[in-house]
Amino acid sequence: MAESYKMPQEEADIILDSMRETGNTNMASSYEYLVDYYSVPRMHAKQLMFNWIKSYNDRRQNGEIN
């Protein structure tokens, strides 16, 4: 079994922003990508996704993302 990875929110934000930009992923299930490809524990990945959703509009309005 692969070792789990406690991913920082900033790293998850970059990955999730990129995923959103491509339009290839339903963002509601994007946490699965973090679990499958980065070995992030499922509950931590869900929290990262929820935090990303909550901060997305603020970061966009502040010009941090397009």
N, C-alpha and C. Protein backbone atom coordinates (compact mmCIF):
# COMPACT_ATOMS: atom_id res chain seq x y z
N MET A 1 0.83 -1.18 0.00
CA MET A 1 0.00 0.00 0.00
C MET A 1 0.87 1.25 0.00
N ALA A 2 0.51 2.22 -0.80
CA ALA A 2 1.28 3.46 -0.89
C ALA A 2 1.15 4.27 0.39
N GLU A 3 2.21 4.99 0.68
CA GLU A 3 2.20 5.86 1.86
C GLU A 3 1.28 7.05 1.59
N SER A 4 0.51 7.47 2.60
CA SER A 4 -0.40 8.60 2.42
C SER A 4 0.38 9.92 2.50
N TYR A 5 -0.19 10.94 1.90
CA TYR A 5 0.47 12.23 1.78
C TYR A 5 -0.46 13.32 2.30
N LYS A 6 -0.01 14.04 3.31
CA LYS A 6 -0.77 15.16 3.87
C LYS A 6 -0.46 16.41 3.05
N MET A 7 -1.19 16.58 1.95
CA MET A 7 -0.95 17.65 0.99
C MET A 7 -1.31 19.01 1.58
N PRO A 8 -0.45 20.02 1.40
CA PRO A 8 -0.79 21.37 1.83
C PRO A 8 -1.91 21.95 0.96
N GLN A 9 -2.73 22.82 1.53
CA GLN A 9 -3.84 23.41 0.79
C GLN A 9 -3.37 24.16 -0.45
N GLU A 10 -2.25 24.87 -0.33
CA GLU A 10 -1.75 25.65 -1.46
C GLU A 10 -1.45 24.75 -2.66
N GLU A 11 -0.87 23.60 -2.41
CA GLU A 11 -0.58 22.65 -3.49
C GLU A 11 -1.87 22.11 -4.10
N ALA A 12 -2.82 21.77 -3.25
CA ALA A 12 -4.11 21.28 -3.74
C ALA A 12 -4.81 22.35 -4.56
N ASP A 13 -4.74 23.61 -4.15
CA ASP A 13 -5.37 24.69 -4.89
C ASP A 13 -4.82 24.78 -6.31
N ILE A 14 -3.52 24.65 -6.45
CA ILE A 14 -2.89 24.71 -7.77
C ILE A 14 -3.38 23.57 -8.65
N ILE A 15 -3.41 22.37 -8.09
CA ILE A 15 -3.86 21.20 -8.84
C ILE A 15 -5.32 21.33 -9.21
N LEU A 16 -6.15 21.71 -8.26
CA LEU A 16 -7.59 21.81 -8.52
C LEU A 16 -7.90 22.96 -9.49
N ASP A 17 -7.17 24.07 -9.38
CA ASP A 17 -7.34 25.17 -10.34
C ASP A 17 -7.03 24.68 -11.76
N SER A 18 -5.95 23.93 -11.90
CA SER A 18 -5.56 23.41 -13.21
C SER A 18 -6.61 22.45 -13.75
N MET A 19 -7.13 21.61 -12.87
CA MET A 19 -8.17 20.67 -13.29
C MET A 19 -9.40 21.42 -13.77
N ARG A 20 -9.78 22.46 -13.06
CA ARG A 20 -10.96 23.24 -13.44
C ARG A 20 -10.75 23.90 -14.79
N GLU A 21 -9.55 24.45 -15.01
CA GLU A 21 -9.25 25.13 -16.26
C GLU A 21 -9.37 24.20 -17.47
N THR A 22 -9.01 22.93 -17.31
CA THR A 22 -9.08 22.00 -18.44
C THR A 22 -10.52 21.65 -18.78
N GLY A 23 -11.40 21.67 -17.76
CA GLY A 23 -12.79 21.31 -17.99
C GLY A 23 -13.02 19.82 -18.18
N ASN A 24 -12.02 19.01 -17.94
CA ASN A 24 -12.12 17.57 -18.16
C ASN A 24 -12.66 16.80 -16.96
N THR A 25 -12.84 17.48 -15.83
CA THR A 25 -13.21 16.80 -14.60
C THR A 25 -14.42 17.46 -13.97
N ASN A 26 -15.32 16.64 -13.46
CA ASN A 26 -16.41 17.14 -12.64
C ASN A 26 -15.78 17.50 -11.29
N MET A 27 -15.78 18.76 -10.95
CA MET A 27 -15.06 19.20 -9.75
C MET A 27 -15.66 18.63 -8.47
N ALA A 28 -16.89 18.20 -8.48
CA ALA A 28 -17.50 17.61 -7.29
C ALA A 28 -16.81 16.31 -6.89
N SER A 29 -16.16 15.67 -7.84
CA SER A 29 -15.46 14.43 -7.52
C SER A 29 -13.94 14.57 -7.68
N SER A 30 -13.47 15.80 -7.73
CA SER A 30 -12.05 16.03 -7.96
C SER A 30 -11.16 15.50 -6.83
N TYR A 31 -11.73 15.37 -5.65
CA TYR A 31 -10.93 14.85 -4.53
C TYR A 31 -10.43 13.44 -4.83
N GLU A 32 -11.18 12.69 -5.65
CA GLU A 32 -10.76 11.33 -6.01
C GLU A 32 -9.43 11.34 -6.76
N TYR A 33 -9.21 12.37 -7.54
CA TYR A 33 -7.94 12.52 -8.25
C TYR A 33 -6.80 12.66 -7.25
N LEU A 34 -7.01 13.46 -6.21
CA LEU A 34 -5.98 13.63 -5.18
C LEU A 34 -5.70 12.31 -4.47
N VAL A 35 -6.74 11.53 -4.25
CA VAL A 35 -6.59 10.22 -3.60
C VAL A 35 -5.83 9.27 -4.52
N ASP A 36 -6.26 9.18 -5.77
CA ASP A 36 -5.70 8.20 -6.70
C ASP A 36 -4.29 8.52 -7.17
N TYR A 37 -4.01 9.79 -7.45
CA TYR A 37 -2.73 10.14 -8.06
C TYR A 37 -1.69 10.71 -7.10
N TYR A 38 -2.14 11.15 -5.93
CA TYR A 38 -1.20 11.74 -4.97
C TYR A 38 -1.19 11.03 -3.62
N SER A 39 -1.97 9.94 -3.51
CA SER A 39 -2.03 9.15 -2.28
C SER A 39 -2.44 9.97 -1.07
N VAL A 40 -3.32 10.95 -1.30
CA VAL A 40 -3.86 11.75 -0.21
C VAL A 40 -4.98 10.94 0.44
N PRO A 41 -5.01 10.85 1.76
CA PRO A 41 -6.12 10.13 2.41
C PRO A 41 -7.47 10.74 2.02
N ARG A 42 -8.45 9.90 1.82
CA ARG A 42 -9.76 10.31 1.30
C ARG A 42 -10.37 11.48 2.09
N MET A 43 -10.40 11.41 3.40
CA MET A 43 -11.03 12.48 4.19
C MET A 43 -10.25 13.79 4.06
N HIS A 44 -8.92 13.69 4.00
CA HIS A 44 -8.10 14.89 3.81
C HIS A 44 -8.35 15.48 2.42
N ALA A 45 -8.45 14.62 1.41
CA ALA A 45 -8.71 15.08 0.05
C ALA A 45 -10.06 15.79 -0.05
N LYS A 46 -11.07 15.25 0.62
CA LYS A 46 -12.38 15.90 0.62
C LYS A 46 -12.30 17.27 1.28
N GLN A 47 -11.57 17.37 2.38
CA GLN A 47 -11.42 18.66 3.06
C GLN A 47 -10.69 19.66 2.17
N LEU A 48 -9.64 19.20 1.48
CA LEU A 48 -8.92 20.07 0.55
C LEU A 48 -9.86 20.59 -0.53
N MET A 49 -10.70 19.71 -1.07
CA MET A 49 -11.65 20.11 -2.11
C MET A 49 -12.66 21.12 -1.57
N PHE A 50 -13.21 20.87 -0.38
CA PHE A 50 -14.18 21.79 0.20
C PHE A 50 -13.53 23.15 0.48
N ASN A 51 -12.32 23.16 0.97
CA ASN A 51 -11.60 24.42 1.20
C ASN A 51 -11.37 25.16 -0.11
N TRP A 52 -11.02 24.41 -1.16
CA TRP A 52 -10.81 24.99 -2.47
C TRP A 52 -12.10 25.65 -2.97
N ILE A 53 -13.21 24.96 -2.83
CA ILE A 53 -14.51 25.49 -3.27
C ILE A 53 -14.82 26.78 -2.52
N LYS A 54 -14.64 26.77 -1.20
CA LYS A 54 -14.96 27.94 -0.38
C LYS A 54 -14.08 29.14 -0.74
N SER A 55 -12.83 28.90 -1.11
CA SER A 55 -11.91 30.01 -1.36
C SER A 55 -11.87 30.43 -2.83
N TYR A 56 -12.48 29.66 -3.72
CA TYR A 56 -12.32 29.91 -5.15
C TYR A 56 -12.75 31.32 -5.55
N ASN A 57 -13.95 31.73 -5.19
CA ASN A 57 -14.44 33.06 -5.59
C ASN A 57 -13.58 34.18 -5.03
N ASP A 58 -13.16 34.05 -3.78
CA ASP A 58 -12.31 35.08 -3.18
C ASP A 58 -10.98 35.20 -3.93
N ARG A 59 -10.37 34.06 -4.22
CA ARG A 59 -9.09 34.07 -4.93
C ARG A 59 -9.25 34.63 -6.34
N ARG A 60 -10.37 34.33 -6.97
CA ARG A 60 -10.64 34.82 -8.32
C ARG A 60 -10.83 36.34 -8.30
N GLN A 61 -11.60 36.84 -7.34
CA GLN A 61 -11.84 38.28 -7.24
C GLN A 61 -10.55 39.04 -6.91
N ASN A 62 -9.65 38.39 -6.17
CA ASN A 62 -8.38 39.03 -5.81
C ASN A 62 -7.35 38.93 -6.94
N GLY A 63 -7.72 38.30 -8.06
CA GLY A 63 -6.82 38.19 -9.20
C GLY A 63 -5.79 37.10 -9.07
N GLU A 64 -5.97 36.21 -8.08
CA GLU A 64 -5.00 35.13 -7.90
C GLU A 64 -5.15 34.05 -8.96
N ILE A 65 -6.35 33.94 -9.52
CA ILE A 65 -6.63 32.97 -10.60
C ILE A 65 -7.51 33.64 -11.63
N ASN A 66 -7.55 33.06 -12.82
CA ASN A 66 -8.38 33.61 -13.90
C ASN A 66 -9.76 33.03 -13.87
